[in-house]
Amino acid sequence: MITLLFILVFLLCQTFILLCCVAAGNDAASQEISDQEQIEFINEWKKTHTS
């Protein structure tokens, strides 16, 4: 019985973490910002390393 309760609590915690991760970055606006930051980083890296 205690094992079943432990498994249930564990699965509920895992589900909560998964939902938080999905909610944190699953929209078009945040993805566009992330893409723009990556483009800027790559451009700066190219300027620094290809002289």
Protein backbone atom coordinates (compact mmCIF):
# COMPACT_ATOMS: atom_id res chain seq x y z
CA MET A 1 0.00 0.00 0.00
CA ILE A 2 2.79 2.43 0.88
CA THR A 3 4.59 1.51 -2.34
CA LEU A 4 1.50 2.33 -4.38
CA LEU A 5 1.15 5.66 -2.60
CA PHE A 6 4.81 6.45 -3.24
CA ILE A 7 4.45 5.65 -6.95
CA LEU A 8 1.32 7.81 -7.18
CA VAL A 9 3.02 10.79 -5.52
CA PHE A 10 6.07 10.33 -7.74
CA LEU A 11 3.97 10.29 -10.91
CA LEU A 12 2.04 13.36 -9.79
CA CYS A 13 5.30 15.24 -9.20
CA GLN A 14 6.59 14.21 -12.62
CA THR A 15 3.38 15.37 -14.27
CA PHE A 16 3.57 18.72 -12.49
CA ILE A 17 7.18 19.25 -13.61
CA LEU A 18 6.31 18.34 -17.19
CA LEU A 19 3.39 20.75 -17.27
CA CYS A 20 5.56 23.55 -15.87
CA CYS A 21 8.18 22.95 -18.54
CA VAL A 22 5.60 22.97 -21.29
CA ALA A 23 3.98 26.14 -19.98
CA ALA A 24 7.31 27.95 -19.67
CA GLY A 25 8.23 28.03 -23.32
CA ASN A 26 5.46 26.77 -25.51
CA ASP A 27 4.27 29.93 -27.24
CA ALA A 28 5.22 31.60 -30.49
CA ALA A 29 6.43 34.87 -28.93
CA SER A 30 8.97 33.26 -26.61
CA GLN A 31 10.18 31.01 -29.43
CA GLU A 32 10.69 34.02 -31.72
CA ILE A 33 12.67 35.84 -29.02
CA SER A 34 14.81 32.75 -28.46
CA ASP A 35 15.47 32.42 -32.19
CA GLN A 36 16.48 36.07 -32.44
CA GLU A 37 18.87 35.74 -29.49
CA GLN A 38 20.47 32.69 -31.09
CA ILE A 39 20.94 34.55 -34.41
CA GLU A 40 22.58 37.46 -32.59
CA PHE A 41 24.87 35.12 -30.66
CA ILE A 42 25.94 33.29 -33.83
CA ASN A 43 26.65 36.57 -35.62
CA GLU A 44 28.79 37.82 -32.72
CA TRP A 45 30.61 34.48 -32.55
CA LYS A 46 31.36 34.64 -36.28
CA LYS A 47 32.74 38.18 -35.93
CA THR A 48 35.01 37.06 -33.08
CA HIS A 49 36.26 33.80 -34.57
CA THR A 50 36.54 34.56 -38.27
CA SER A 51 38.90 37.47 -38.42
